[in-house]
Amino acid sequence: MEEKKHFTISIYSENNVGLLNRISAILLKRHINIESFSTSVSEIPDVYRFVIVVHLSQEKVKKVVGQIEKQVDVIKAFYHTDEETIFQESALYKVKSSALFEERHIQNVIKESHANIVTVSPEYFVIEKTGFRHETEKLYNDLAPYGLLQFVRSGRISVTKSKMGISEILNTFKNNQ
């Protein structure tokens, strides 16, 4: 049996209603759990990029990407291993303000984690940390004893180390119309 590993699936598409639902259905039908998901505009005007992280065998991810590419709104889909991408996540931590002023050690925790305080109020302060999943989880664990009020982490955002060539694909498509 082929070894499972993390793959980042990048999907370039038009921004049309229902595509996310159809992509989810493709994954659901194959009992594939999404470990991380994010979407945003891409480097190409009017083209959006979905970034989905899954834990699969290479054979299975190849089939899934093929099914995703069959969707009308999808321009192109790619998959890459962690070694082929540069990726990060971002997290926000809301902590009781009293901890910042009464527990001096928390300032060392923030400094050592290379996090930033983004806002301070009399009731709470908010810390932002960008990094790998294990780094955001470590800061979560370090802050928990100080009164963590809220926590949220983004999905993975990534770029490939090698060129994907999506602009060339789009130019070819435009020239053929």
N, C-alpha and C. Protein backbone atom coordinates (compact mmCIF):
# COMPACT_ATOMS: atom_id res chain seq x y z
N MET A 1 0.84 -1.18 0.00
CA MET A 1 0.00 0.00 0.00
C MET A 1 0.88 1.25 0.00
N GLU A 2 0.54 2.21 -0.81
CA GLU A 2 1.32 3.42 -0.95
C GLU A 2 1.21 4.29 0.31
N GLU A 3 2.33 4.90 0.68
CA GLU A 3 2.40 5.73 1.88
C GLU A 3 1.56 7.00 1.74
N LYS A 4 0.86 7.33 2.82
CA LYS A 4 0.09 8.58 2.86
C LYS A 4 1.01 9.70 3.33
N LYS A 5 0.79 10.90 2.78
CA LYS A 5 1.50 12.08 3.26
C LYS A 5 0.66 13.31 2.97
N HIS A 6 1.13 14.44 3.49
CA HIS A 6 0.39 15.68 3.27
C HIS A 6 0.62 16.19 1.86
N PHE A 7 -0.46 16.59 1.23
CA PHE A 7 -0.41 17.23 -0.08
C PHE A 7 -1.17 18.55 0.00
N THR A 8 -0.64 19.55 -0.67
CA THR A 8 -1.33 20.82 -0.82
C THR A 8 -1.93 20.84 -2.21
N ILE A 9 -3.24 20.94 -2.28
CA ILE A 9 -3.93 21.04 -3.57
C ILE A 9 -4.22 22.50 -3.82
N SER A 10 -3.77 23.03 -4.95
CA SER A 10 -4.04 24.41 -5.35
C SER A 10 -5.00 24.37 -6.53
N ILE A 11 -6.10 25.08 -6.39
CA ILE A 11 -7.12 25.10 -7.43
C ILE A 11 -7.32 26.54 -7.89
N TYR A 12 -7.10 26.77 -9.17
CA TYR A 12 -7.35 28.09 -9.76
C TYR A 12 -8.71 28.03 -10.42
N SER A 13 -9.56 29.02 -10.13
CA SER A 13 -10.93 28.96 -10.64
C SER A 13 -11.53 30.34 -10.82
N GLU A 14 -12.67 30.33 -11.47
CA GLU A 14 -13.50 31.51 -11.51
C GLU A 14 -14.20 31.59 -10.15
N ASN A 15 -14.69 32.76 -9.80
CA ASN A 15 -15.38 32.92 -8.53
C ASN A 15 -16.88 32.76 -8.72
N ASN A 16 -17.33 31.52 -8.80
CA ASN A 16 -18.74 31.24 -9.05
C ASN A 16 -19.35 30.49 -7.88
N VAL A 17 -20.62 30.76 -7.65
CA VAL A 17 -21.36 30.12 -6.57
C VAL A 17 -21.42 28.61 -6.81
N GLY A 18 -21.22 27.84 -5.75
CA GLY A 18 -21.40 26.40 -5.81
C GLY A 18 -20.14 25.58 -6.01
N LEU A 19 -19.04 26.22 -6.42
CA LEU A 19 -17.82 25.45 -6.67
C LEU A 19 -17.30 24.80 -5.39
N LEU A 20 -17.28 25.54 -4.30
CA LEU A 20 -16.81 24.99 -3.04
C LEU A 20 -17.64 23.77 -2.65
N ASN A 21 -18.93 23.84 -2.85
CA ASN A 21 -19.81 22.71 -2.54
C ASN A 21 -19.46 21.49 -3.40
N ARG A 22 -19.19 21.71 -4.68
CA ARG A 22 -18.85 20.59 -5.58
C ARG A 22 -17.49 19.99 -5.23
N ILE A 23 -16.53 20.83 -4.86
CA ILE A 23 -15.22 20.32 -4.45
C ILE A 23 -15.36 19.51 -3.16
N SER A 24 -16.13 20.04 -2.22
CA SER A 24 -16.38 19.31 -0.97
C SER A 24 -17.03 17.96 -1.24
N ALA A 25 -17.96 17.92 -2.18
CA ALA A 25 -18.65 16.67 -2.53
C ALA A 25 -17.67 15.64 -3.10
N ILE A 26 -16.72 16.09 -3.90
CA ILE A 26 -15.70 15.19 -4.46
C ILE A 26 -14.91 14.56 -3.32
N LEU A 27 -14.52 15.37 -2.34
CA LEU A 27 -13.74 14.86 -1.21
C LEU A 27 -14.60 13.99 -0.30
N LEU A 28 -15.83 14.40 -0.06
CA LEU A 28 -16.74 13.65 0.80
C LEU A 28 -17.02 12.26 0.23
N LYS A 29 -17.26 12.20 -1.06
CA LYS A 29 -17.57 10.91 -1.70
C LYS A 29 -16.43 9.91 -1.53
N ARG A 30 -15.21 10.40 -1.42
CA ARG A 30 -14.05 9.52 -1.25
C ARG A 30 -13.59 9.42 0.20
N HIS A 31 -14.39 9.97 1.12
CA HIS A 31 -14.09 9.94 2.56
C HIS A 31 -12.73 10.58 2.87
N ILE A 32 -12.47 11.74 2.25
CA ILE A 32 -11.21 12.45 2.45
C ILE A 32 -11.47 13.62 3.38
N ASN A 33 -10.72 13.66 4.45
CA ASN A 33 -10.83 14.74 5.42
C ASN A 33 -9.96 15.92 4.98
N ILE A 34 -10.51 17.12 5.06
CA ILE A 34 -9.74 18.34 4.76
C ILE A 34 -9.04 18.76 6.04
N GLU A 35 -7.71 18.82 6.00
CA GLU A 35 -6.95 19.22 7.17
C GLU A 35 -6.82 20.73 7.28
N SER A 36 -6.87 21.41 6.13
CA SER A 36 -6.76 22.86 6.11
C SER A 36 -7.36 23.35 4.81
N PHE A 37 -7.97 24.55 4.86
CA PHE A 37 -8.60 25.11 3.67
C PHE A 37 -8.50 26.63 3.73
N SER A 38 -8.13 27.23 2.62
CA SER A 38 -8.18 28.69 2.52
C SER A 38 -8.42 29.05 1.06
N THR A 39 -8.93 30.25 0.87
CA THR A 39 -9.17 30.73 -0.48
C THR A 39 -8.92 32.23 -0.51
N SER A 40 -8.50 32.71 -1.67
CA SER A 40 -8.26 34.14 -1.84
C SER A 40 -8.14 34.45 -3.32
N VAL A 41 -8.01 35.72 -3.61
CA VAL A 41 -7.70 36.10 -4.98
C VAL A 41 -6.30 35.55 -5.28
N SER A 42 -5.99 35.38 -6.55
CA SER A 42 -4.66 34.88 -6.93
C SER A 42 -3.86 36.00 -7.57
N GLU A 43 -2.74 35.64 -8.11
CA GLU A 43 -1.87 36.60 -8.80
C GLU A 43 -2.45 37.03 -10.14
N ILE A 44 -3.53 36.40 -10.56
CA ILE A 44 -4.15 36.68 -11.86
C ILE A 44 -5.49 37.39 -11.62
N PRO A 45 -5.73 38.53 -12.25
CA PRO A 45 -7.00 39.24 -12.05
C PRO A 45 -8.21 38.35 -12.35
N ASP A 46 -9.21 38.42 -11.49
CA ASP A 46 -10.47 37.69 -11.63
C ASP A 46 -10.34 36.16 -11.51
N VAL A 47 -9.20 35.69 -11.03
CA VAL A 47 -9.01 34.26 -10.81
C VAL A 47 -8.73 34.05 -9.32
N TYR A 48 -9.40 33.07 -8.74
CA TYR A 48 -9.29 32.79 -7.32
C TYR A 48 -8.52 31.50 -7.11
N ARG A 49 -7.92 31.39 -5.92
CA ARG A 49 -7.13 30.20 -5.62
C ARG A 49 -7.61 29.58 -4.32
N PHE A 50 -7.92 28.30 -4.38
CA PHE A 50 -8.25 27.50 -3.22
C PHE A 50 -6.97 26.75 -2.83
N VAL A 51 -6.67 26.69 -1.56
CA VAL A 51 -5.55 25.89 -1.06
C VAL A 51 -6.11 24.91 -0.05
N ILE A 52 -6.02 23.63 -0.38
CA ILE A 52 -6.58 22.57 0.46
C ILE A 52 -5.46 21.61 0.84
N VAL A 53 -5.37 21.29 2.13
CA VAL A 53 -4.38 20.33 2.60
C VAL A 53 -5.09 19.03 2.97
N VAL A 54 -4.59 17.93 2.41
CA VAL A 54 -5.15 16.60 2.66
C VAL A 54 -4.03 15.64 3.00
N HIS A 55 -4.38 14.52 3.60
CA HIS A 55 -3.41 13.48 3.94
C HIS A 55 -3.82 12.22 3.19
N LEU A 56 -3.11 11.96 2.07
CA LEU A 56 -3.49 10.87 1.16
C LEU A 56 -2.25 10.22 0.56
N SER A 57 -2.48 9.16 -0.19
CA SER A 57 -1.42 8.59 -1.02
C SER A 57 -1.33 9.43 -2.29
N GLN A 58 -0.20 9.37 -2.96
CA GLN A 58 -0.02 10.15 -4.19
C GLN A 58 -1.00 9.70 -5.27
N GLU A 59 -1.24 8.41 -5.34
CA GLU A 59 -2.18 7.89 -6.34
C GLU A 59 -3.59 8.46 -6.13
N LYS A 60 -4.02 8.52 -4.88
CA LYS A 60 -5.36 9.01 -4.57
C LYS A 60 -5.46 10.52 -4.81
N VAL A 61 -4.43 11.29 -4.43
CA VAL A 61 -4.48 12.75 -4.63
C VAL A 61 -4.49 13.07 -6.12
N LYS A 62 -3.79 12.28 -6.91
CA LYS A 62 -3.78 12.48 -8.36
C LYS A 62 -5.18 12.30 -8.94
N LYS A 63 -5.89 11.27 -8.48
CA LYS A 63 -7.26 11.02 -8.94
C LYS A 63 -8.20 12.14 -8.52
N VAL A 64 -8.06 12.59 -7.27
CA VAL A 64 -8.92 13.66 -6.76
C VAL A 64 -8.71 14.95 -7.54
N VAL A 65 -7.46 15.30 -7.80
CA VAL A 65 -7.16 16.51 -8.57
C VAL A 65 -7.75 16.38 -9.98
N GLY A 66 -7.68 15.21 -10.57
CA GLY A 66 -8.29 14.98 -11.88
C GLY A 66 -9.79 15.21 -11.85
N GLN A 67 -10.46 14.75 -10.80
CA GLN A 67 -11.90 14.96 -10.66
C GLN A 67 -12.22 16.44 -10.45
N ILE A 68 -11.40 17.12 -9.67
CA ILE A 68 -11.61 18.56 -9.42
C ILE A 68 -11.47 19.34 -10.72
N GLU A 69 -10.49 18.97 -11.54
CA GLU A 69 -10.26 19.69 -12.80
C GLU A 69 -11.43 19.53 -13.78
N LYS A 70 -12.25 18.52 -13.60
CA LYS A 70 -13.40 18.31 -14.47
C LYS A 70 -14.53 19.31 -14.18
N GLN A 71 -14.45 20.00 -13.07
CA GLN A 71 -15.48 20.98 -12.73
C GLN A 71 -15.38 22.15 -13.70
N VAL A 72 -16.52 22.62 -14.19
CA VAL A 72 -16.58 23.65 -15.22
C VAL A 72 -15.83 24.92 -14.82
N ASP A 73 -15.97 25.34 -13.55
CA ASP A 73 -15.37 26.60 -13.11
C ASP A 73 -13.87 26.50 -12.84
N VAL A 74 -13.33 25.30 -12.78
CA VAL A 74 -11.91 25.11 -12.46
C VAL A 74 -11.06 25.32 -13.70
N ILE A 75 -10.09 26.22 -13.57
CA ILE A 75 -9.17 26.48 -14.67
C ILE A 75 -8.05 25.45 -14.66
N LYS A 76 -7.45 25.25 -13.49
CA LYS A 76 -6.37 24.28 -13.35
C LYS A 76 -6.22 23.92 -11.88
N ALA A 77 -5.86 22.68 -11.61
CA ALA A 77 -5.58 22.23 -10.24
C ALA A 77 -4.22 21.55 -10.21
N PHE A 78 -3.51 21.75 -9.13
CA PHE A 78 -2.18 21.17 -8.93
C PHE A 78 -2.14 20.52 -7.56
N TYR A 79 -1.20 19.60 -7.37
CA TYR A 79 -0.93 19.10 -6.01
C TYR A 79 0.58 19.07 -5.81
N HIS A 80 0.97 19.35 -4.57
CA HIS A 80 2.39 19.40 -4.22
C HIS A 80 2.60 18.81 -2.82
N THR A 81 3.78 18.27 -2.60
CA THR A 81 4.16 17.79 -1.27
C THR A 81 4.62 18.98 -0.44
N ASP A 82 4.76 18.76 0.86
CA ASP A 82 5.27 19.82 1.74
C ASP A 82 6.67 20.27 1.32
N GLU A 83 7.45 19.34 0.81
CA GLU A 83 8.82 19.67 0.41
C GLU A 83 8.86 20.56 -0.83
N GLU A 84 7.79 20.55 -1.62
CA GLU A 84 7.73 21.33 -2.86
C GLU A 84 7.11 22.71 -2.66
N THR A 85 6.71 23.03 -1.43
CA THR A 85 6.03 24.30 -1.19
C THR A 85 6.67 25.06 -0.03
N ILE A 86 6.38 26.34 -0.01
CA ILE A 86 6.71 27.20 1.13
C ILE A 86 5.36 27.57 1.71
N PHE A 87 5.13 27.24 2.97
CA PHE A 87 3.80 27.44 3.53
C PHE A 87 3.87 27.98 4.95
N GLN A 88 2.79 28.63 5.34
CA GLN A 88 2.65 29.20 6.68
C GLN A 88 1.17 29.18 7.07
N GLU A 89 0.93 29.39 8.33
CA GLU A 89 -0.41 29.62 8.86
C GLU A 89 -0.33 30.83 9.77
N SER A 90 -1.45 31.46 10.01
CA SER A 90 -1.50 32.61 10.89
C SER A 90 -2.50 32.33 12.00
N ALA A 91 -2.19 32.79 13.20
CA ALA A 91 -3.09 32.56 14.33
C ALA A 91 -3.24 33.84 15.15
N LEU A 92 -4.41 33.99 15.75
CA LEU A 92 -4.70 35.08 16.66
C LEU A 92 -5.07 34.50 18.02
N TYR A 93 -4.54 35.11 19.09
CA TYR A 93 -4.78 34.67 20.45
C TYR A 93 -5.29 35.88 21.24
N LYS A 94 -6.44 35.75 21.87
CA LYS A 94 -6.99 36.81 22.70
C LYS A 94 -6.80 36.38 24.15
N VAL A 95 -6.08 37.22 24.92
CA VAL A 95 -5.69 36.87 26.29
C VAL A 95 -6.13 37.98 27.23
N LYS A 96 -6.46 37.64 28.47
CA LYS A 96 -6.84 38.64 29.48
C LYS A 96 -5.71 39.64 29.67
N SER A 97 -6.04 40.92 29.66
CA SER A 97 -5.02 41.97 29.82
C SER A 97 -4.28 41.87 31.13
N SER A 98 -4.96 41.43 32.16
CA SER A 98 -4.29 41.33 33.47
C SER A 98 -3.03 40.46 33.37
N ALA A 99 -3.04 39.46 32.50
CA ALA A 99 -1.88 38.58 32.34
C ALA A 99 -0.67 39.35 31.82
N LEU A 100 -0.91 40.30 30.93
CA LEU A 100 0.19 41.07 30.34
C LEU A 100 0.88 41.94 31.39
N PHE A 101 0.09 42.47 32.32
CA PHE A 101 0.65 43.40 33.31
C PHE A 101 1.06 42.73 34.61
N GLU A 102 0.40 41.62 34.96
CA GLU A 102 0.69 40.96 36.24
C GLU A 102 1.68 39.81 36.10
N GLU A 103 1.70 39.17 34.94
CA GLU A 103 2.58 38.02 34.71
C GLU A 103 3.67 38.43 33.72
N ARG A 104 4.78 38.89 34.21
CA ARG A 104 5.86 39.38 33.34
C ARG A 104 6.40 38.28 32.42
N HIS A 105 6.28 37.05 32.84
CA HIS A 105 6.79 35.93 32.03
C HIS A 105 6.10 35.85 30.67
N ILE A 106 4.84 36.29 30.62
CA ILE A 106 4.10 36.21 29.35
C ILE A 106 4.77 37.07 28.27
N GLN A 107 5.40 38.15 28.67
CA GLN A 107 6.11 38.98 27.69
C GLN A 107 7.28 38.21 27.07
N ASN A 108 7.94 37.39 27.88
CA ASN A 108 9.02 36.54 27.35
C ASN A 108 8.48 35.48 26.40
N VAL A 109 7.32 34.91 26.74
CA VAL A 109 6.69 33.90 25.88
C VAL A 109 6.41 34.51 24.51
N ILE A 110 5.85 35.72 24.50
CA ILE A 110 5.53 36.39 23.24
C ILE A 110 6.80 36.69 22.45
N LYS A 111 7.80 37.22 23.13
CA LYS A 111 9.06 37.58 22.46
C LYS A 111 9.77 36.34 21.90
N GLU A 112 9.85 35.29 22.68
CA GLU A 112 10.54 34.07 22.25
C GLU A 112 9.84 33.38 21.08
N SER A 113 8.53 33.57 20.96
CA SER A 113 7.78 32.92 19.89
C SER A 113 7.77 33.76 18.61
N HIS A 114 8.37 34.96 18.67
CA HIS A 114 8.39 35.88 17.53
C HIS A 114 6.97 36.28 17.12
N ALA A 115 6.10 36.41 18.11
CA ALA A 115 4.73 36.84 17.88
C ALA A 115 4.65 38.36 18.06
N ASN A 116 3.53 38.93 17.66
CA ASN A 116 3.33 40.37 17.78
C ASN A 116 2.03 40.65 18.53
N ILE A 117 2.06 41.67 19.38
CA ILE A 117 0.83 42.14 20.01
C ILE A 117 0.20 43.11 19.02
N VAL A 118 -1.03 42.84 18.61
CA VAL A 118 -1.68 43.68 17.59
C VAL A 118 -2.66 44.68 18.19
N THR A 119 -3.17 44.42 19.38
CA THR A 119 -4.05 45.38 20.04
C THR A 119 -4.07 45.11 21.54
N VAL A 120 -4.25 46.19 22.30
CA VAL A 120 -4.35 46.08 23.76
C VAL A 120 -5.54 46.91 24.21
N SER A 121 -6.36 46.34 25.08
CA SER A 121 -7.47 47.07 25.68
C SER A 121 -7.43 46.77 27.18
N PRO A 122 -8.25 47.45 27.97
CA PRO A 122 -8.25 47.18 29.41
C PRO A 122 -8.66 45.73 29.75
N GLU A 123 -9.46 45.10 28.90
CA GLU A 123 -9.95 43.75 29.19
C GLU A 123 -9.10 42.63 28.57
N TYR A 124 -8.51 42.90 27.42
CA TYR A 124 -7.79 41.85 26.70
C TYR A 124 -6.70 42.44 25.81
N PHE A 125 -5.82 41.56 25.34
CA PHE A 125 -4.89 41.93 24.29
C PHE A 125 -4.87 40.79 23.27
N VAL A 126 -4.50 41.12 22.04
CA VAL A 126 -4.51 40.14 20.95
C VAL A 126 -3.10 39.99 20.42
N ILE A 127 -2.69 38.75 20.27
CA ILE A 127 -1.36 38.39 19.75
C ILE A 127 -1.55 37.74 18.40
N GLU A 128 -0.65 38.06 17.46
CA GLU A 128 -0.65 37.44 16.13
C GLU A 128 0.64 36.65 15.98
N LYS A 129 0.52 35.45 15.47
CA LYS A 129 1.68 34.60 15.21
C LYS A 129 1.54 33.97 13.84
N THR A 130 2.55 34.13 13.01
CA THR A 130 2.60 33.47 11.71
C THR A 130 3.73 32.45 11.77
N GLY A 131 3.46 31.26 11.27
CA GLY A 131 4.49 30.23 11.28
C GLY A 131 3.93 28.89 10.87
N PHE A 132 4.65 27.84 11.23
CA PHE A 132 4.21 26.49 10.96
C PHE A 132 3.20 26.06 12.02
N ARG A 133 2.43 25.04 11.73
CA ARG A 133 1.39 24.57 12.65
C ARG A 133 1.96 24.28 14.04
N HIS A 134 3.10 23.59 14.11
CA HIS A 134 3.65 23.26 15.43
C HIS A 134 4.04 24.51 16.22
N GLU A 135 4.41 25.60 15.53
CA GLU A 135 4.76 26.85 16.22
C GLU A 135 3.52 27.54 16.79
N THR A 136 2.43 27.56 16.01
CA THR A 136 1.20 28.19 16.51
C THR A 136 0.60 27.35 17.64
N GLU A 137 0.74 26.04 17.57
CA GLU A 137 0.25 25.17 18.65
C GLU A 137 1.07 25.34 19.92
N LYS A 138 2.39 25.49 19.78
CA LYS A 138 3.25 25.70 20.95
C LYS A 138 2.87 27.00 21.66
N LEU A 139 2.67 28.08 20.89
CA LEU A 139 2.27 29.34 21.51
C LEU A 139 0.91 29.19 22.19
N TYR A 140 0.00 28.47 21.58
CA TYR A 140 -1.31 28.20 22.20
C TYR A 140 -1.11 27.55 23.57
N ASN A 141 -0.29 26.51 23.61
CA ASN A 141 -0.04 25.80 24.87
C ASN A 141 0.66 26.68 25.89
N ASP A 142 1.56 27.54 25.43
CA ASP A 142 2.28 28.45 26.33
C ASP A 142 1.37 29.53 26.90
N LEU A 143 0.38 29.98 26.12
CA LEU A 143 -0.52 31.05 26.55
C LEU A 143 -1.71 30.55 27.37
N ALA A 144 -2.09 29.30 27.20
CA ALA A 144 -3.28 28.75 27.86
C ALA A 144 -3.32 29.01 29.37
N PRO A 145 -2.23 28.87 30.10
CA PRO A 145 -2.29 29.11 31.55
C PRO A 145 -2.57 30.57 31.94
N TYR A 146 -2.44 31.49 31.01
CA TYR A 146 -2.61 32.91 31.31
C TYR A 146 -4.02 33.43 31.03
N GLY A 147 -4.93 32.58 30.68
CA GLY A 147 -6.30 33.01 30.44
C GLY A 147 -6.58 33.28 28.98
N LEU A 148 -6.43 32.28 28.17
CA LEU A 148 -6.72 32.39 26.74
C LEU A 148 -8.23 32.51 26.55
N LEU A 149 -8.68 33.65 26.02
CA LEU A 149 -10.11 33.91 25.86
C LEU A 149 -10.63 33.42 24.51
N GLN A 150 -9.82 33.59 23.46
CA GLN A 150 -10.21 33.13 22.13
C GLN A 150 -8.96 32.73 21.37
N PHE A 151 -9.15 31.84 20.40
CA PHE A 151 -8.06 31.40 19.54
C PHE A 151 -8.64 31.08 18.17
N VAL A 152 -7.93 31.49 17.12
CA VAL A 152 -8.31 31.12 15.76
C VAL A 152 -7.03 30.98 14.93
N ARG A 153 -7.05 30.00 14.05
CA ARG A 153 -5.90 29.79 13.16
C ARG A 153 -6.41 29.70 11.73
N SER A 154 -5.67 30.30 10.83
CA SER A 154 -6.05 30.26 9.41
C SER A 154 -5.73 28.89 8.83
N GLY A 155 -6.23 28.66 7.64
CA GLY A 155 -5.78 27.51 6.88
C GLY A 155 -4.40 27.81 6.31
N ARG A 156 -3.78 26.79 5.79
CA ARG A 156 -2.46 26.95 5.19
C ARG A 156 -2.53 27.88 3.98
N ILE A 157 -1.56 28.75 3.88
CA ILE A 157 -1.34 29.49 2.65
C ILE A 157 0.02 29.05 2.14
N SER A 158 0.15 28.92 0.83
CA SER A 158 1.40 28.37 0.30
C SER A 158 1.69 28.88 -1.10
N VAL A 159 2.95 28.85 -1.43
CA VAL A 159 3.42 29.06 -2.80
C VAL A 159 4.37 27.91 -3.10
N THR A 160 4.46 27.57 -4.37
CA THR A 160 5.35 26.47 -4.75
C THR A 160 6.76 26.98 -4.94
N LYS A 161 7.71 26.11 -4.71
CA LYS A 161 9.11 26.46 -4.93
C LYS A 161 9.39 26.57 -6.42
N SER A 162 8.74 25.71 -7.20
CA SER A 162 8.93 25.76 -8.65
C SER A 162 7.78 26.52 -9.30
N LYS A 163 7.96 26.90 -10.53
CA LYS A 163 6.95 27.64 -11.28
C LYS A 163 5.77 26.71 -11.60
N MET A 164 4.54 27.21 -11.41
CA MET A 164 3.36 26.40 -11.73
C MET A 164 2.89 26.64 -13.16
N GLY A 165 3.16 27.79 -13.71
CA GLY A 165 2.80 28.04 -15.10
C GLY A 165 1.33 28.34 -15.34
N ILE A 166 0.61 28.75 -14.33
CA ILE A 166 -0.82 29.01 -14.51
C ILE A 166 -1.04 30.19 -15.45
N SER A 167 -0.19 31.20 -15.42
CA SER A 167 -0.35 32.36 -16.32
C SER A 167 -0.23 31.93 -17.77
N GLU A 168 0.71 31.05 -18.06
CA GLU A 168 0.88 30.56 -19.43
C GLU A 168 -0.34 29.75 -19.88
N ILE A 169 -0.89 28.97 -18.97
CA ILE A 169 -2.09 28.18 -19.28
C ILE A 169 -3.24 29.12 -19.63
N LEU A 170 -3.41 30.17 -18.83
CA LEU A 170 -4.48 31.14 -19.10
C LEU A 170 -4.26 31.89 -20.41
N ASN A 171 -3.01 32.27 -20.69
CA ASN A 171 -2.73 32.96 -21.95
C ASN A 171 -3.03 32.08 -23.15
N THR A 172 -2.69 30.81 -23.07
CA THR A 172 -3.00 29.87 -24.13
C THR A 172 -4.50 29.76 -24.31
N PHE A 173 -5.22 29.69 -23.21
CA PHE A 173 -6.67 29.59 -23.23
C PHE A 173 -7.29 30.84 -23.89
N LYS A 174 -6.79 32.02 -23.51
CA LYS A 174 -7.30 33.28 -24.07
C LYS A 174 -7.01 33.39 -25.55
N ASN A 175 -5.83 32.94 -25.97
CA ASN A 175 -5.45 33.03 -27.39
C ASN A 175 -6.25 32.08 -28.26
N ASN A 176 -6.76 30.99 -27.69
CA ASN A 176 -7.54 30.02 -28.45
C ASN A 176 -9.02 30.43 -28.58
N GLN A 177 -9.41 31.46 -27.88
CA GLN A 177 -10.83 31.87 -27.95
C GLN A 177 -11.10 32.79 -29.11
